[in-house]
Each structure stands twice: as structure tokens, then as C-alpha cells.
């Protein structure tokens, strides 16, 4: 039997930094994919501050600007924090990608937010990056790929090994204990090469 391992939120976190008691390690059999579904294997976890910053204590004065890329519970947590004349840039709703209820996620998002939008005179704008795709995307991808391969553009990744390290990696990232994008390696990476290894060289700041 193949087992799926994951970290879950064990409780509603109090104010302050994440504690060990905020997370729970769980294991369960991997479910069989249904119709129009697929089973994937995770190689890296990507950690971002928004995953903790959505708590009310992170916005004691409310929010004037909100970049929406998650939707769902994150959006519902942000709604009470929106200030008068606030603005939202609507990029996407990654939390709704796996929904199978057949409903329009964007329509439901607007219906959920409408009472707050009307009360707070909140303006919602779509992300306009696509306005430039036709003119610049192909050129950007070609030039940037060459610049990265030639080390003219360099970026740093902060890699933690093993799913067990995820809570410590998350806590360190929130406290500024990372340099570069925080990743947790949980599987073998078939694309790993000397360039990637160089970007991950050195110890974690707090690791």
C-alpha cells in the first residue's frame, strides 16, 4: 500500500510565529483518481508568506490593496479586513482548480464579495499582464532562458530536504531565515543539474 504523507494545520494559530503545535503530521492511503482526475507526485513544496499572513493579526489596520491569486478560505479571511476604497487585483483562484461542483468559481467569488465590495466601495480589477503577451512573451522566454543558462541572470533558492522539514522551513521563511525562494524537496528531481545545485549551495540561514 502506498502512503500519502502530509502536514496539516492542527489548530487555529494564535498571534505570533508558527509553533510546533500548529502542525500535525498525518499519513493515509493514496486515493484512486476518479473520472477526469489524475494522480501526481510532488517533487518540491513551495512556501510563501501569505500562507501565514492571512491571519487578522497580520493586518491590524486593514487592507487597502489585495492581490487575489488563491480564493476560497483565504479570500473569505481577507474580506472583513478590506478598508474603504480598497482595491483588488484579480489574478486567479488556485484553491478552486480542483473543484468538481460545476459552478463558476469567479462568479461565486464575486457573489461572496459583493456585500463587502458595496459597503467598502472596493474596486476589483482584472490582471492586465495578458495585454502584453502577444508582443513580448516569445521574446522574453527566449532571451531569459539564454540569460539564465549563461549565468547573466542568477537567482537563489533556499532548499530544505524532506517533508519532515516543512514546518521548520515555513517558520524560518516567515522570520527572514531564507535567502531566495523557499522550497522543500520531497521527491527525486530528474532535472537536477550543476546549475541548480549551485543556486542551492550553502546552508539555510536558520537551518
Protein backbone atom coordinates (compact mmCIF):
# COMPACT_ATOMS: atom_id res chain seq x y z
CA UNK A 1 0.00 0.00 0.00
CA UNK A 2 1.38 3.40 -0.99
CA UNK A 3 1.01 6.02 1.74
CA UNK A 4 0.42 9.73 1.31
CA UNK A 5 2.24 11.85 3.91
CA UNK A 6 1.31 15.45 4.64
CA UNK A 7 1.34 18.25 7.17
CA UNK A 8 -2.00 19.75 8.20
CA UNK A 9 -2.97 22.72 10.36
CA UNK A 10 -3.67 21.26 13.79
CA UNK A 11 -5.40 24.28 15.30
CA UNK A 12 -6.33 27.89 14.64
CA UNK A 13 -2.94 29.56 15.17
CA UNK A 14 -2.68 32.30 17.81
CA UNK A 15 -0.77 35.52 17.25
CA UNK A 16 2.96 35.33 16.71
CA UNK A 17 5.19 32.92 14.80
CA UNK A 18 4.20 29.33 14.00
CA UNK A 19 4.75 26.80 16.77
CA UNK A 20 5.22 23.04 16.59
CA UNK A 21 1.70 22.54 17.96
CA UNK A 22 0.23 24.40 14.96
CA UNK A 23 1.05 21.47 12.65
CA UNK A 24 0.07 17.81 12.59
CA UNK A 25 1.86 15.05 10.67
CA UNK A 26 -0.61 12.68 9.02
CA UNK A 27 -0.42 9.58 6.85
CA UNK A 28 -3.20 7.99 4.83
CA UNK A 29 -3.59 5.63 1.86
CA UNK A 30 -3.38 7.37 -1.51
CA UNK A 31 -6.84 7.67 -3.04
CA UNK A 32 -7.51 6.29 -6.50
CA UNK A 33 -8.16 9.03 -9.08
CA UNK A 34 -11.70 9.31 -10.40
CA UNK A 35 -13.06 10.29 -13.78
CA UNK A 36 -11.15 13.20 -15.37
CA UNK A 37 -8.65 13.16 -12.47
CA UNK A 38 -5.01 12.17 -12.32
CA UNK A 39 -2.52 11.13 -9.65
CA UNK A 40 0.61 13.26 -9.43
CA UNK A 41 3.83 13.00 -7.43
CA UNK A 42 5.17 16.06 -5.64
CA UNK A 43 8.86 16.88 -6.05
CA UNK A 44 9.00 20.27 -4.32
CA UNK A 45 6.78 22.22 -1.93
CA UNK A 46 6.81 25.98 -2.47
CA UNK A 47 6.36 28.01 0.71
CA UNK A 48 5.06 31.60 0.70
CA UNK A 49 4.44 34.12 3.49
CA UNK A 50 0.78 34.63 2.50
CA UNK A 51 0.07 31.18 3.96
CA UNK A 52 0.56 32.66 7.42
CA UNK A 53 -0.06 36.32 6.74
CA UNK A 54 -3.75 35.76 6.02
CA UNK A 55 -4.45 35.87 9.75
CA UNK A 56 -6.16 39.02 11.07
CA UNK A 57 -3.17 39.93 13.27
CA UNK A 58 -1.13 40.47 10.11
CA UNK A 59 -3.36 43.43 9.09
CA UNK A 60 -4.23 45.36 12.27
CA UNK A 61 -5.10 48.44 10.18
CA UNK A 62 -6.99 46.56 7.49
CA UNK A 63 -6.07 46.10 3.84
CA UNK A 64 -6.05 48.80 1.16
CA UNK A 65 -4.79 46.54 -1.66
CA UNK A 66 -5.25 42.80 -2.10
CA UNK A 67 -3.73 40.65 -4.85
CA UNK A 68 -6.09 37.70 -5.32
CA UNK A 69 -4.48 34.51 -6.55
CA UNK A 70 -5.94 31.94 -4.14
CA UNK A 71 -9.66 32.48 -3.49
CA UNK A 72 -11.64 30.22 -1.16
CA UNK A 73 -10.91 30.47 2.56
CA UNK A 74 -8.08 32.96 2.03
CA UNK A 75 -10.45 35.36 0.26
CA UNK A 76 -13.09 34.91 2.97
CA UNK A 77 -10.49 35.74 5.62
CA UNK A 78 -9.45 38.90 3.76
CA UNK A 79 -12.97 40.26 3.17
CA UNK A 80 -13.51 41.62 6.72
CA UNK A 81 -10.13 43.37 6.50
CA UNK A 82 -10.83 45.42 3.36
CA UNK A 83 -10.75 49.15 4.03
CA UNK A 84 -12.90 51.84 2.47
CA UNK A 85 -11.95 52.47 -1.20
CA UNK A 86 -9.73 49.38 -1.22
CA UNK A 87 -8.67 47.75 -4.48
CA UNK A 88 -8.35 44.12 -5.55
CA UNK A 89 -6.32 42.81 -8.46
CA UNK A 90 -7.96 39.55 -9.51
CA UNK A 91 -5.26 37.20 -10.83
CA UNK A 92 -6.64 33.73 -10.19
CA UNK A 93 -8.07 31.26 -7.68
CA UNK A 94 -5.70 28.35 -7.35
CA UNK A 95 -7.67 26.89 -4.43
CA UNK A 96 -10.62 26.30 -6.76
CA UNK A 97 -8.76 24.44 -9.52
CA UNK A 98 -9.77 21.01 -8.23
CA UNK A 99 -13.45 21.84 -7.71
CA UNK A 100 -15.85 19.45 -9.43
CA UNK A 101 -19.17 21.07 -8.47
CA UNK A 102 -19.57 22.62 -11.91
CA UNK A 103 -20.03 26.15 -10.57
CA UNK A 104 -18.22 29.19 -11.97
CA UNK A 105 -15.57 29.95 -9.33
CA UNK A 106 -15.23 33.59 -10.43
CA UNK A 107 -19.00 34.17 -10.32
CA UNK A 108 -19.19 32.66 -6.83
CA UNK A 109 -16.19 34.79 -5.76
CA UNK A 110 -17.93 38.00 -6.85
CA UNK A 111 -21.20 36.98 -5.21
CA UNK A 112 -19.38 36.23 -1.96
CA UNK A 113 -17.58 39.56 -2.01
CA UNK A 114 -20.40 41.79 -3.27
CA UNK A 115 -21.80 42.86 0.14
CA UNK A 116 -18.31 43.90 1.28
CA UNK A 117 -17.43 45.46 -2.08
CA UNK A 118 -20.59 47.59 -1.99
CA UNK A 119 -20.15 48.61 1.63
CA UNK A 120 -16.47 49.49 1.30
CA UNK A 121 -16.59 50.83 -2.29
CA UNK A 122 -13.98 48.24 -3.18
CA UNK A 123 -12.82 48.22 -6.81
CA UNK A 124 -11.95 44.91 -8.50
CA UNK A 125 -9.60 44.94 -11.47
CA UNK A 126 -8.52 42.04 -13.65
CA UNK A 127 -4.81 41.36 -14.06
CA UNK A 128 -3.69 43.02 -17.29
CA UNK A 129 -0.44 41.11 -17.94
CA UNK A 130 -2.05 39.38 -20.91
CA UNK A 131 -2.24 42.73 -22.66
CA UNK A 132 1.48 42.38 -23.38
CA UNK A 133 1.70 38.63 -24.04
CA UNK A 134 1.28 38.76 -27.81
CA UNK A 135 4.04 41.34 -28.25
CA UNK A 136 6.60 40.21 -25.68
CA UNK A 137 6.13 36.63 -24.39
CA UNK A 138 8.07 34.72 -27.06
CA UNK A 139 10.93 37.19 -26.99
CA UNK A 140 11.03 37.18 -23.18
CA UNK A 141 11.09 33.38 -22.88
CA UNK A 142 13.84 33.03 -25.47
CA UNK A 143 16.05 35.79 -24.10
CA UNK A 144 15.52 34.99 -20.42
CA UNK A 145 16.25 31.27 -20.93
CA UNK A 146 19.55 32.15 -22.59
CA UNK A 147 20.43 34.69 -19.90
CA UNK A 148 19.80 32.13 -17.14
CA UNK A 149 21.75 29.41 -18.95
CA UNK A 150 24.65 31.82 -19.49
CA UNK A 151 24.51 32.95 -15.82
CA UNK A 152 23.76 36.52 -16.85
CA UNK A 153 20.65 36.33 -14.68
CA UNK A 154 21.02 34.43 -11.42
CA UNK A 155 18.55 33.57 -8.69
CA UNK A 156 18.90 31.84 -5.36
CA UNK A 157 16.77 29.01 -3.99
CA UNK A 158 16.57 28.05 -0.30
CA UNK A 159 16.18 24.27 -0.31
CA UNK A 160 15.14 22.13 2.67
CA UNK A 161 15.36 18.36 2.40
CA UNK A 162 12.42 16.11 3.27
CA UNK A 163 8.75 16.72 4.05
CA UNK A 164 9.55 16.46 7.75
CA UNK A 165 11.43 19.76 7.47
CA UNK A 166 8.42 21.71 6.15
CA UNK A 167 7.30 23.32 9.45
CA UNK A 168 10.84 24.49 10.26
CA UNK A 169 11.28 25.78 6.71
CA UNK A 170 7.97 27.63 6.93
CA UNK A 171 8.85 29.19 10.27
CA UNK A 172 12.32 30.22 9.10
CA UNK A 173 10.91 31.83 5.94
CA UNK A 174 8.43 33.93 7.92
CA UNK A 175 11.21 35.12 10.22
CA UNK A 176 13.51 36.09 7.37
CA UNK A 177 15.58 32.94 7.68
CA UNK A 178 15.76 32.28 3.95
CA UNK A 179 17.72 33.71 1.07
CA UNK A 180 15.86 33.13 -2.18
CA UNK A 181 12.73 31.14 -2.89
CA UNK A 182 11.94 28.62 -0.15
CA UNK A 183 11.47 25.06 -1.41
CA UNK A 184 11.07 21.73 0.37
CA UNK A 185 12.34 18.73 -1.62
CA UNK A 186 10.05 15.72 -1.11
CA UNK A 187 10.92 13.68 -4.20
CA UNK A 188 13.70 13.00 -6.68
CA UNK A 189 14.19 15.77 -9.25
CA UNK A 190 15.05 14.36 -12.71
CA UNK A 191 16.04 17.84 -13.94
CA UNK A 192 18.68 18.46 -11.26
CA UNK A 193 21.99 19.66 -12.70
CA UNK A 194 25.09 21.59 -11.68
CA UNK A 195 23.42 24.96 -12.29
CA UNK A 196 20.52 24.14 -9.96
CA UNK A 197 22.88 22.75 -7.34
CA UNK A 198 24.90 25.97 -7.42
CA UNK A 199 21.78 28.04 -6.78
CA UNK A 200 21.10 25.96 -3.69
CA UNK A 201 24.65 25.84 -2.37
CA UNK A 202 25.22 26.75 1.25
CA UNK A 203 23.24 26.20 4.40
CA UNK A 204 19.84 27.65 5.22
CA UNK A 205 20.12 30.88 7.19
CA UNK A 206 18.20 29.41 10.14
CA UNK A 207 18.56 25.77 9.10
